[in-house]
Amino acid sequence: SYELAFRMQSAVPQVLDISSEPEKVREMYGIGKGATSNFG
């Protein structure tokens, strides 16, 4: 678990950075639209 956590430092932020997704994709999921933003 400790070793995995160390490796995750570079991998996880990159995967979870949804700002790299095209705007039309974020809109498709309802991100930034109030009610749908959280679950989107």
PDB file of all heavy atoms in Angstrom:
ATOM      1  N   SER A   1       0.831  -1.212   0.000  1.00  0.00           N
ATOM      2  CA  SER A   1       0.000   0.000   0.000  1.00  0.00           C
ATOM      3  C   SER A   1       0.861   1.255   0.000  1.00  0.00           C
ATOM      4  O   SER A   1       0.558   2.221  -0.706  1.00  0.00           O
ATOM      5  CB  SER A   1      -0.926   0.000   1.224  1.00  0.00           C
ATOM      6  OG  SER A   1      -1.853  -1.060   1.145  1.00  0.00           O
ATOM      7  N   TYR A   2       1.951   1.258   0.785  1.00  0.00           N
ATOM      8  CA  TYR A   2       2.841   2.423   0.818  1.00  0.00           C
ATOM      9  C   TYR A   2       3.489   2.646  -0.548  1.00  0.00           C
ATOM     10  O   TYR A   2       3.587   3.774  -1.033  1.00  0.00           O
ATOM     11  CB  TYR A   2       3.913   2.235   1.885  1.00  0.00           C
ATOM     12  CG  TYR A   2       3.448   2.466   3.301  1.00  0.00           C
ATOM     13  CD1 TYR A   2       4.250   2.108   4.386  1.00  0.00           C
ATOM     14  CD2 TYR A   2       2.205   3.050   3.569  1.00  0.00           C
ATOM     15  CE1 TYR A   2       3.829   2.324   5.697  1.00  0.00           C
ATOM     16  CE2 TYR A   2       1.785   3.261   4.867  1.00  0.00           C
ATOM     17  CZ  TYR A   2       2.591   2.894   5.923  1.00  0.00           C
ATOM     18  OH  TYR A   2       2.166   3.105   7.210  1.00  0.00           O
ATOM     19  N   GLU A   3       3.945   1.561  -1.157  1.00  0.00           N
ATOM     20  CA  GLU A   3       4.576   1.695  -2.470  1.00  0.00           C
ATOM     21  C   GLU A   3       3.571   2.173  -3.511  1.00  0.00           C
ATOM     22  O   GLU A   3       3.879   3.016  -4.358  1.00  0.00           O
ATOM     23  CB  GLU A   3       5.197   0.361  -2.892  1.00  0.00           C
ATOM     24  CG  GLU A   3       6.395  -0.066  -2.067  1.00  0.00           C
ATOM     25  CD  GLU A   3       7.588   0.864  -2.229  1.00  0.00           C
ATOM     26  OE1 GLU A   3       7.625   1.633  -3.221  1.00  0.00           O
ATOM     27  OE2 GLU A   3       8.473   0.835  -1.366  1.00  0.00           O
ATOM     28  N   LEU A   4       2.368   1.627  -3.462  1.00  0.00           N
ATOM     29  CA  LEU A   4       1.331   2.047  -4.395  1.00  0.00           C
ATOM     30  C   LEU A   4       1.010   3.523  -4.213  1.00  0.00           C
ATOM     31  O   LEU A   4       0.863   4.270  -5.181  1.00  0.00           O
ATOM     32  CB  LEU A   4       0.068   1.201  -4.199  1.00  0.00           C
ATOM     33  CG  LEU A   4      -1.168   1.626  -5.009  1.00  0.00           C
ATOM     34  CD1 LEU A   4      -0.880   1.555  -6.499  1.00  0.00           C
ATOM     35  CD2 LEU A   4      -2.364   0.757  -4.651  1.00  0.00           C
ATOM     36  N   ALA A   5       0.919   3.950  -2.950  1.00  0.00           N
ATOM     37  CA  ALA A   5       0.603   5.349  -2.680  1.00  0.00           C
ATOM     38  C   ALA A   5       1.665   6.275  -3.256  1.00  0.00           C
ATOM     39  O   ALA A   5       1.354   7.336  -3.806  1.00  0.00           O
ATOM     40  CB  ALA A   5       0.482   5.561  -1.172  1.00  0.00           C
ATOM     41  N   PHE A   6       2.915   5.872  -3.175  1.00  0.00           N
ATOM     42  CA  PHE A   6       3.997   6.689  -3.728  1.00  0.00           C
ATOM     43  C   PHE A   6       3.863   6.780  -5.250  1.00  0.00           C
ATOM     44  O   PHE A   6       4.011   7.852  -5.838  1.00  0.00           O
ATOM     45  CB  PHE A   6       5.349   6.098  -3.332  1.00  0.00           C
ATOM     46  CG  PHE A   6       6.518   6.957  -3.739  1.00  0.00           C
ATOM     47  CD1 PHE A   6       6.897   8.032  -2.960  1.00  0.00           C
ATOM     48  CD2 PHE A   6       7.217   6.690  -4.899  1.00  0.00           C
ATOM     49  CE1 PHE A   6       7.971   8.840  -3.331  1.00  0.00           C
ATOM     50  CE2 PHE A   6       8.284   7.481  -5.286  1.00  0.00           C
ATOM     51  CZ  PHE A   6       8.669   8.559  -4.502  1.00  0.00           C
ATOM     52  N   ARG A   7       3.567   5.638  -5.889  1.00  0.00           N
ATOM     53  CA  ARG A   7       3.423   5.652  -7.349  1.00  0.00           C
ATOM     54  C   ARG A   7       2.204   6.454  -7.788  1.00  0.00           C
ATOM     55  O   ARG A   7       2.183   7.028  -8.877  1.00  0.00           O
ATOM     56  CB  ARG A   7       3.310   4.212  -7.873  1.00  0.00           C
ATOM     57  CG  ARG A   7       4.530   3.350  -7.618  1.00  0.00           C
ATOM     58  CD  ARG A   7       4.501   2.076  -8.460  1.00  0.00           C
ATOM     59  NE  ARG A   7       3.326   1.263  -8.232  1.00  0.00           N
ATOM     60  CZ  ARG A   7       3.246   0.307  -7.314  1.00  0.00           C
ATOM     61  NH1 ARG A   7       4.279   0.065  -6.512  1.00  0.00           N
ATOM     62  NH2 ARG A   7       2.146  -0.415  -7.182  1.00  0.00           N
ATOM     63  N   MET A   8       1.177   6.473  -6.941  1.00  0.00           N
ATOM     64  CA  MET A   8      -0.064   7.163  -7.287  1.00  0.00           C
ATOM     65  C   MET A   8       0.108   8.667  -7.399  1.00  0.00           C
ATOM     66  O   MET A   8      -0.696   9.341  -8.045  1.00  0.00           O
ATOM     67  CB  MET A   8      -1.134   6.867  -6.228  1.00  0.00           C
ATOM     68  CG  MET A   8      -1.755   5.490  -6.331  1.00  0.00           C
ATOM     69  SD  MET A   8      -2.780   5.134  -4.872  1.00  0.00           S
ATOM     70  CE  MET A   8      -3.969   6.466  -4.940  1.00  0.00           C
ATOM     71  N   GLN A   9       1.157   9.222  -6.791  1.00  0.00           N
ATOM     72  CA  GLN A   9       1.314  10.672  -6.765  1.00  0.00           C
ATOM     73  C   GLN A   9       1.291  11.296  -8.155  1.00  0.00           C
ATOM     74  O   GLN A   9       0.740  12.371  -8.352  1.00  0.00           O
ATOM     75  CB  GLN A   9       2.621  11.043  -6.065  1.00  0.00           C
ATOM     76  CG  GLN A   9       2.609  10.789  -4.585  1.00  0.00           C
ATOM     77  CD  GLN A   9       3.904  11.246  -3.931  1.00  0.00           C
ATOM     78  OE1 GLN A   9       3.967  12.323  -3.387  1.00  0.00           O
ATOM     79  NE2 GLN A   9       4.917  10.423  -4.019  1.00  0.00           N
ATOM     80  N   SER A  10       1.914  10.623  -9.099  1.00  0.00           N
ATOM     81  CA  SER A  10       1.948  11.169 -10.448  1.00  0.00           C
ATOM     82  C   SER A  10       0.802  10.666 -11.298  1.00  0.00           C
ATOM     83  O   SER A  10       0.301  11.380 -12.166  1.00  0.00           O
ATOM     84  CB  SER A  10       3.282  10.815 -11.126  1.00  0.00           C
ATOM     85  OG  SER A  10       3.457   9.410 -11.160  1.00  0.00           O
ATOM     86  N   ALA A  11       0.346   9.440 -11.047  1.00  0.00           N
ATOM     87  CA  ALA A  11      -0.687   8.848 -11.907  1.00  0.00           C
ATOM     88  C   ALA A  11      -2.079   9.368 -11.600  1.00  0.00           C
ATOM     89  O   ALA A  11      -2.855   9.678 -12.504  1.00  0.00           O
ATOM     90  CB  ALA A  11      -0.653   7.324 -11.782  1.00  0.00           C
ATOM     91  N   VAL A  12      -2.426   9.456 -10.301  1.00  0.00           N
ATOM     92  CA  VAL A  12      -3.793   9.800  -9.928  1.00  0.00           C
ATOM     93  C   VAL A  12      -4.198  11.208 -10.359  1.00  0.00           C
ATOM     94  O   VAL A  12      -5.257  11.388 -10.972  1.00  0.00           O
ATOM     95  CB  VAL A  12      -4.009   9.606  -8.418  1.00  0.00           C
ATOM     96  CG1 VAL A  12      -5.327  10.225  -7.965  1.00  0.00           C
ATOM     97  CG2 VAL A  12      -4.006   8.124  -8.083  1.00  0.00           C
ATOM     98  N   PRO A  13      -3.408  12.244 -10.055  1.00  0.00           N
ATOM     99  CA  PRO A  13      -3.835  13.585 -10.477  1.00  0.00           C
ATOM    100  C   PRO A  13      -4.078  13.689 -11.967  1.00  0.00           C
ATOM    101  O   PRO A  13      -5.006  14.374 -12.412  1.00  0.00           O
ATOM    102  CB  PRO A  13      -2.664  14.476 -10.023  1.00  0.00           C
ATOM    103  CG  PRO A  13      -2.030  13.734  -8.904  1.00  0.00           C
ATOM    104  CD  PRO A  13      -2.158  12.289  -9.287  1.00  0.00           C
ATOM    105  N   GLN A  14      -3.269  13.001 -12.749  1.00  0.00           N
ATOM    106  CA  GLN A  14      -3.434  13.050 -14.198  1.00  0.00           C
ATOM    107  C   GLN A  14      -4.752  12.406 -14.622  1.00  0.00           C
ATOM    108  O   GLN A  14      -5.470  12.949 -15.470  1.00  0.00           O
ATOM    109  CB  GLN A  14      -2.251  12.331 -14.875  1.00  0.00           C
ATOM    110  CG  GLN A  14      -2.316  12.345 -16.393  1.00  0.00           C
ATOM    111  CD  GLN A  14      -1.115  11.657 -17.015  1.00  0.00           C
ATOM    112  OE1 GLN A  14      -0.175  11.265 -16.317  1.00  0.00           O
ATOM    113  NE2 GLN A  14      -1.149  11.505 -18.323  1.00  0.00           N
ATOM    114  N   VAL A  15      -5.086  11.270 -14.018  1.00  0.00           N
ATOM    115  CA  VAL A  15      -6.322  10.582 -14.387  1.00  0.00           C
ATOM    116  C   VAL A  15      -7.545  11.372 -13.946  1.00  0.00           C
ATOM    117  O   VAL A  15      -8.552  11.449 -14.662  1.00  0.00           O
ATOM    118  CB  VAL A  15      -6.353   9.167 -13.763  1.00  0.00           C
ATOM    119  CG1 VAL A  15      -7.707   8.508 -14.003  1.00  0.00           C
ATOM    120  CG2 VAL A  15      -5.251   8.306 -14.362  1.00  0.00           C
ATOM    121  N   LEU A  16      -7.474  11.980 -12.758  1.00  0.00           N
ATOM    122  CA  LEU A  16      -8.635  12.673 -12.210  1.00  0.00           C
ATOM    123  C   LEU A  16      -8.760  14.114 -12.674  1.00  0.00           C
ATOM    124  O   LEU A  16      -9.740  14.788 -12.332  1.00  0.00           O
ATOM    125  CB  LEU A  16      -8.583  12.637 -10.683  1.00  0.00           C
ATOM    126  CG  LEU A  16      -8.669  11.259 -10.040  1.00  0.00           C
ATOM    127  CD1 LEU A  16      -8.674  11.372  -8.521  1.00  0.00           C
ATOM    128  CD2 LEU A  16      -9.909  10.509 -10.514  1.00  0.00           C
ATOM    129  N   ASP A  17      -7.835  14.591 -13.469  1.00  0.00           N
ATOM    130  CA  ASP A  17      -7.883  15.964 -13.960  1.00  0.00           C
ATOM    131  C   ASP A  17      -8.842  16.056 -15.146  1.00  0.00           C
ATOM    132  O   ASP A  17      -8.437  15.949 -16.302  1.00  0.00           O
ATOM    133  CB  ASP A  17      -6.484  16.427 -14.348  1.00  0.00           C
ATOM    134  CG  ASP A  17      -6.461  17.889 -14.805  1.00  0.00           C
ATOM    135  OD1 ASP A  17      -7.475  18.592 -14.571  1.00  0.00           O
ATOM    136  OD2 ASP A  17      -5.457  18.314 -15.399  1.00  0.00           O
ATOM    137  N   ILE A  18     -10.117  16.263 -14.853  1.00  0.00           N
ATOM    138  CA  ILE A  18     -11.118  16.298 -15.920  1.00  0.00           C
ATOM    139  C   ILE A  18     -11.052  17.584 -16.732  1.00  0.00           C
ATOM    140  O   ILE A  18     -11.724  17.693 -17.767  1.00  0.00           O
ATOM    141  CB  ILE A  18     -12.540  16.116 -15.357  1.00  0.00           C
ATOM    142  CG1 ILE A  18     -12.890  17.268 -14.414  1.00  0.00           C
ATOM    143  CG2 ILE A  18     -12.669  14.774 -14.642  1.00  0.00           C
ATOM    144  CD1 ILE A  18     -14.330  17.236 -13.954  1.00  0.00           C
ATOM    145  N   SER A  19     -10.238  18.548 -16.295  1.00  0.00           N
ATOM    146  CA  SER A  19     -10.106  19.782 -17.078  1.00  0.00           C
ATOM    147  C   SER A  19      -9.468  19.522 -18.430  1.00  0.00           C
ATOM    148  O   SER A  19      -9.576  20.335 -19.352  1.00  0.00           O
ATOM    149  CB  SER A  19      -9.280  20.820 -16.303  1.00  0.00           C
ATOM    150  OG  SER A  19      -7.952  20.374 -16.116  1.00  0.00           O
ATOM    151  N   SER A  20      -8.784  18.378 -18.550  1.00  0.00           N
ATOM    152  CA  SER A  20      -8.171  18.030 -19.830  1.00  0.00           C
ATOM    153  C   SER A  20      -9.185  17.495 -20.837  1.00  0.00           C
ATOM    154  O   SER A  20      -8.865  17.332 -22.014  1.00  0.00           O
ATOM    155  CB  SER A  20      -7.074  16.984 -19.608  1.00  0.00           C
ATOM    156  OG  SER A  20      -7.615  15.790 -19.073  1.00  0.00           O
ATOM    157  N   GLU A  21     -10.398  17.218 -20.380  1.00  0.00           N
ATOM    158  CA  GLU A  21     -11.451  16.735 -21.279  1.00  0.00           C
ATOM    159  C   GLU A  21     -11.999  17.893 -22.118  1.00  0.00           C
ATOM    160  O   GLU A  21     -12.103  19.026 -21.635  1.00  0.00           O
ATOM    161  CB  GLU A  21     -12.587  16.113 -20.479  1.00  0.00           C
ATOM    162  CG  GLU A  21     -12.232  14.824 -19.775  1.00  0.00           C
ATOM    163  CD  GLU A  21     -12.155  13.645 -20.744  1.00  0.00           C
ATOM    164  OE1 GLU A  21     -12.689  13.748 -21.875  1.00  0.00           O
ATOM    165  OE2 GLU A  21     -11.558  12.620 -20.356  1.00  0.00           O
ATOM    166  N   PRO A  22     -12.376  17.630 -23.366  1.00  0.00           N
ATOM    167  CA  PRO A  22     -12.990  18.680 -24.186  1.00  0.00           C
ATOM    168  C   PRO A  22     -14.237  19.243 -23.517  1.00  0.00           C
ATOM    169  O   PRO A  22     -14.945  18.532 -22.794  1.00  0.00           O
ATOM    170  CB  PRO A  22     -13.338  17.943 -25.483  1.00  0.00           C
ATOM    171  CG  PRO A  22     -12.416  16.769 -25.523  1.00  0.00           C
ATOM    172  CD  PRO A  22     -12.214  16.364 -24.089  1.00  0.00           C
ATOM    173  N   GLU A  23     -14.507  20.493 -23.763  1.00  0.00           N
ATOM    174  CA  GLU A  23     -15.651  21.155 -23.141  1.00  0.00           C
ATOM    175  C   GLU A  23     -16.961  20.450 -23.472  1.00  0.00           C
ATOM    176  O   GLU A  23     -17.842  20.323 -22.627  1.00  0.00           O
ATOM    177  CB  GLU A  23     -15.715  22.616 -23.579  1.00  0.00           C
ATOM    178  CG  GLU A  23     -16.828  23.402 -22.907  1.00  0.00           C
ATOM    179  CD  GLU A  23     -16.845  24.861 -23.304  1.00  0.00           C
ATOM    180  OE1 GLU A  23     -15.880  25.305 -23.995  1.00  0.00           O
ATOM    181  OE2 GLU A  23     -17.806  25.571 -22.941  1.00  0.00           O
ATOM    182  N   LYS A  24     -17.087  19.955 -24.690  1.00  0.00           N
ATOM    183  CA  LYS A  24     -18.333  19.298 -25.091  1.00  0.00           C
ATOM    184  C   LYS A  24     -18.556  18.005 -24.306  1.00  0.00           C
ATOM    185  O   LYS A  24     -19.694  17.608 -24.052  1.00  0.00           O
ATOM    186  CB  LYS A  24     -18.350  19.023 -26.591  1.00  0.00           C
ATOM    187  CG  LYS A  24     -17.296  18.044 -27.077  1.00  0.00           C
ATOM    188  CD  LYS A  24     -17.423  17.813 -28.586  1.00  0.00           C
ATOM    189  CE  LYS A  24     -16.391  16.796 -29.077  1.00  0.00           C
ATOM    190  NZ  LYS A  24     -16.518  16.561 -30.550  1.00  0.00           N
ATOM    191  N   VAL A  25     -17.464  17.350 -23.895  1.00  0.00           N
ATOM    192  CA  VAL A  25     -17.588  16.139 -23.082  1.00  0.00           C
ATOM    193  C   VAL A  25     -18.073  16.509 -21.685  1.00  0.00           C
ATOM    194  O   VAL A  25     -18.965  15.854 -21.121  1.00  0.00           O
ATOM    195  CB  VAL A  25     -16.254  15.373 -23.015  1.00  0.00           C
ATOM    196  CG1 VAL A  25     -16.342  14.221 -22.022  1.00  0.00           C
ATOM    197  CG2 VAL A  25     -15.865  14.858 -24.390  1.00  0.00           C
ATOM    198  N   ARG A  26     -17.491  17.535 -21.099  1.00  0.00           N
ATOM    199  CA  ARG A  26     -17.921  17.974 -19.772  1.00  0.00           C
ATOM    200  C   ARG A  26     -19.381  18.423 -19.797  1.00  0.00           C
ATOM    201  O   ARG A  26     -20.144  18.161 -18.860  1.00  0.00           O
ATOM    202  CB  ARG A  26     -17.010  19.095 -19.264  1.00  0.00           C
ATOM    203  CG  ARG A  26     -15.556  18.663 -19.080  1.00  0.00           C
ATOM    204  CD  ARG A  26     -14.778  19.618 -18.185  1.00  0.00           C
ATOM    205  NE  ARG A  26     -14.763  20.971 -18.710  1.00  0.00           N
ATOM    206  CZ  ARG A  26     -13.864  21.438 -19.569  1.00  0.00           C
ATOM    207  NH1 ARG A  26     -12.897  20.637 -20.011  1.00  0.00           N
ATOM    208  NH2 ARG A  26     -13.894  22.689 -19.979  1.00  0.00           N
ATOM    209  N   GLU A  27     -19.771  19.076 -20.862  1.00  0.00           N
ATOM    210  CA  GLU A  27     -21.172  19.496 -20.999  1.00  0.00           C
ATOM    211  C   GLU A  27     -22.088  18.286 -21.125  1.00  0.00           C
ATOM    212  O   GLU A  27     -23.196  18.278 -20.590  1.00  0.00           O
ATOM    213  CB  GLU A  27     -21.328  20.405 -22.222  1.00  0.00           C
ATOM    214  CG  GLU A  27     -20.704  21.778 -22.064  1.00  0.00           C
ATOM    215  CD  GLU A  27     -20.876  22.636 -23.308  1.00  0.00           C
ATOM    216  OE1 GLU A  27     -21.351  22.094 -24.339  1.00  0.00           O
ATOM    217  OE2 GLU A  27     -20.536  23.837 -23.268  1.00  0.00           O
ATOM    218  N   MET A  28     -21.635  17.254 -21.843  1.00  0.00           N
ATOM    219  CA  MET A  28     -22.436  16.044 -22.014  1.00  0.00           C
ATOM    220  C   MET A  28     -22.744  15.406 -20.663  1.00  0.00           C
ATOM    221  O   MET A  28     -23.845  14.905 -20.426  1.00  0.00           O
ATOM    222  CB  MET A  28     -21.695  15.047 -22.915  1.00  0.00           C
ATOM    223  CG  MET A  28     -22.428  13.729 -23.146  1.00  0.00           C
ATOM    224  SD  MET A  28     -21.567  12.650 -24.317  1.00  0.00           S
ATOM    225  CE  MET A  28     -20.160  12.133 -23.335  1.00  0.00           C
ATOM    226  N   TYR A  29     -21.788  15.448 -19.731  1.00  0.00           N
ATOM    227  CA  TYR A  29     -21.977  14.881 -18.399  1.00  0.00           C
ATOM    228  C   TYR A  29     -22.727  15.828 -17.460  1.00  0.00           C
ATOM    229  O   TYR A  29     -23.036  15.463 -16.329  1.00  0.00           O
ATOM    230  CB  TYR A  29     -20.626  14.531 -17.776  1.00  0.00           C
ATOM    231  CG  TYR A  29     -20.044  13.213 -18.258  1.00  0.00           C
ATOM    232  CD1 TYR A  29     -19.249  13.143 -19.396  1.00  0.00           C
ATOM    233  CD2 TYR A  29     -20.289  12.035 -17.561  1.00  0.00           C
ATOM    234  CE1 TYR A  29     -18.702  11.943 -19.833  1.00  0.00           C
ATOM    235  CE2 TYR A  29     -19.746  10.834 -17.981  1.00  0.00           C
ATOM    236  CZ  TYR A  29     -18.952  10.782 -19.126  1.00  0.00           C
ATOM    237  OH  TYR A  29     -18.424   9.586 -19.545  1.00  0.00           O
ATOM    238  N   GLY A  30     -22.983  17.041 -17.896  1.00  0.00           N
ATOM    239  CA  GLY A  30     -23.700  18.003 -17.063  1.00  0.00           C
ATOM    240  C   GLY A  30     -22.827  18.681 -16.025  1.00  0.00           C
ATOM    241  O   GLY A  30     -23.340  19.221 -15.038  1.00  0.00           O
ATOM    242  N   ILE A  31     -21.515  18.680 -16.243  1.00  0.00           N
ATOM    243  CA  ILE A  31     -20.597  19.302 -15.291  1.00  0.00           C
ATOM    244  C   ILE A  31     -20.687  20.822 -15.426  1.00  0.00           C
ATOM    245  O   ILE A  31     -20.660  21.373 -16.523  1.00  0.00           O
ATOM    246  CB  ILE A  31     -19.162  18.815 -15.542  1.00  0.00           C
ATOM    247  CG1 ILE A  31     -19.086  17.307 -15.290  1.00  0.00           C
ATOM    248  CG2 ILE A  31     -18.160  19.548 -14.661  1.00  0.00           C
ATOM    249  CD1 ILE A  31     -17.768  16.676 -15.677  1.00  0.00           C
ATOM    250  N   GLY A  32     -20.819  21.481 -14.276  1.00  0.00           N
ATOM    251  CA  GLY A  32     -20.942  22.932 -14.267  1.00  0.00           C
ATOM    252  C   GLY A  32     -22.358  23.423 -14.466  1.00  0.00           C
ATOM    253  O   GLY A  32     -22.582  24.616 -14.684  1.00  0.00           O
ATOM    254  N   LYS A  33     -23.337  22.497 -14.353  1.00  0.00           N
ATOM    255  CA  LYS A  33     -24.734  22.872 -14.576  1.00  0.00           C
ATOM    256  C   LYS A  33     -25.583  22.702 -13.322  1.00  0.00           C
ATOM    257  O   LYS A  33     -26.753  22.308 -13.392  1.00  0.00           O
ATOM    258  CB  LYS A  33     -25.330  22.039 -15.706  1.00  0.00           C
ATOM    259  CG  LYS A  33     -24.737  22.322 -17.080  1.00  0.00           C
ATOM    260  CD  LYS A  33     -25.452  21.516 -18.152  1.00  0.00           C
ATOM    261  CE  LYS A  33     -24.880  21.825 -19.528  1.00  0.00           C
ATOM    262  NZ  LYS A  33     -25.560  21.038 -20.600  1.00  0.00           N
ATOM    263  N   GLY A  34     -25.007  22.969 -12.174  1.00  0.00           N
ATOM    264  CA  GLY A  34     -25.780  22.933 -10.943  1.00  0.00           C
ATOM    265  C   GLY A  34     -26.102  21.527 -10.497  1.00  0.00           C
ATOM    266  O   GLY A  34     -25.245  20.799  -9.994  1.00  0.00           O
ATOM    267  N   ALA A  35     -27.346  21.088 -10.700  1.00  0.00           N
ATOM    268  CA  ALA A  35     -27.831  19.820 -10.153  1.00  0.00           C
ATOM    269  C   ALA A  35     -27.031  18.626 -10.634  1.00  0.00           C
ATOM    270  O   ALA A  35     -26.827  17.664  -9.891  1.00  0.00           O
ATOM    271  CB  ALA A  35     -29.304  19.637 -10.503  1.00  0.00           C
ATOM    272  N   THR A  36     -26.573  18.651 -11.871  1.00  0.00           N
ATOM    273  CA  THR A  36     -25.880  17.493 -12.439  1.00  0.00           C
ATOM    274  C   THR A  36     -24.372  17.533 -12.260  1.00  0.00           C
ATOM    275  O   THR A  36     -23.691  16.557 -12.572  1.00  0.00           O
ATOM    276  CB  THR A  36     -26.186  17.376 -13.951  1.00  0.00           C
ATOM    277  OG1 THR A  36     -25.794  18.608 -14.594  1.00  0.00           O
ATOM    278  CG2 THR A  36     -27.663  17.132 -14.194  1.00  0.00           C
ATOM    279  N   SER A  37     -23.841  18.631 -11.754  1.00  0.00           N
ATOM    280  CA  SER A  37     -22.390  18.809 -11.733  1.00  0.00           C
ATOM    281  C   SER A  37     -21.691  17.800 -10.829  1.00  0.00           C
ATOM    282  O   SER A  37     -20.657  17.237 -11.194  1.00  0.00           O
ATOM    283  CB  SER A  37     -22.052  20.234 -11.292  1.00  0.00           C
ATOM    284  OG  SER A  37     -20.671  20.471 -11.466  1.00  0.00           O
ATOM    285  N   ASN A  38     -22.243  17.557  -9.636  1.00  0.00           N
ATOM    286  CA  ASN A  38     -21.618  16.648  -8.677  1.00  0.00           C
ATOM    287  C   ASN A  38     -21.521  15.238  -9.241  1.00  0.00           C
ATOM    288  O   ASN A  38     -20.422  14.677  -9.371  1.00  0.00           O
ATOM    289  CB  ASN A  38     -22.425  16.648  -7.373  1.00  0.00           C
ATOM    290  CG  ASN A  38     -21.781  15.818  -6.269  1.00  0.00           C
ATOM    291  OD1 ASN A  38     -21.201  14.765  -6.499  1.00  0.00           O
ATOM    292  ND2 ASN A  38     -21.918  16.285  -5.047  1.00  0.00           N
ATOM    293  N   PHE A  39     -22.643  14.650  -9.579  1.00  0.00           N
ATOM    294  CA  PHE A  39     -22.615  13.260 -10.053  1.00  0.00           C
ATOM    295  C   PHE A  39     -22.015  13.167 -11.451  1.00  0.00           C
ATOM    296  O   PHE A  39     -21.425  12.151 -11.815  1.00  0.00           O
ATOM    297  CB  PHE A  39     -24.019  12.653 -10.026  1.00  0.00           C
ATOM    298  CG  PHE A  39     -24.004  11.152  -9.883  1.00  0.00           C
ATOM    299  CD1 PHE A  39     -23.658  10.554  -8.679  1.00  0.00           C
ATOM    300  CD2 PHE A  39     -24.307  10.338 -10.964  1.00  0.00           C
ATOM    301  CE1 PHE A  39     -23.611   9.176  -8.547  1.00  0.00           C
ATOM    302  CE2 PHE A  39     -24.267   8.948 -10.841  1.00  0.00           C
ATOM    303  CZ  PHE A  39     -23.919   8.368  -9.635  1.00  0.00           C
ATOM    304  N   GLY A  40     -22.161  14.233 -12.236  1.00  0.00           N
ATOM    305  CA  GLY A  40     -21.524  14.245 -13.547  1.00  0.00           C
ATOM    306  C   GLY A  40     -20.015  14.162 -13.432  1.00  0.00           C
ATOM    307  O   GLY A  40     -19.352  13.468 -14.212  1.00  0.00           O
TER     308      GLY A  40
END
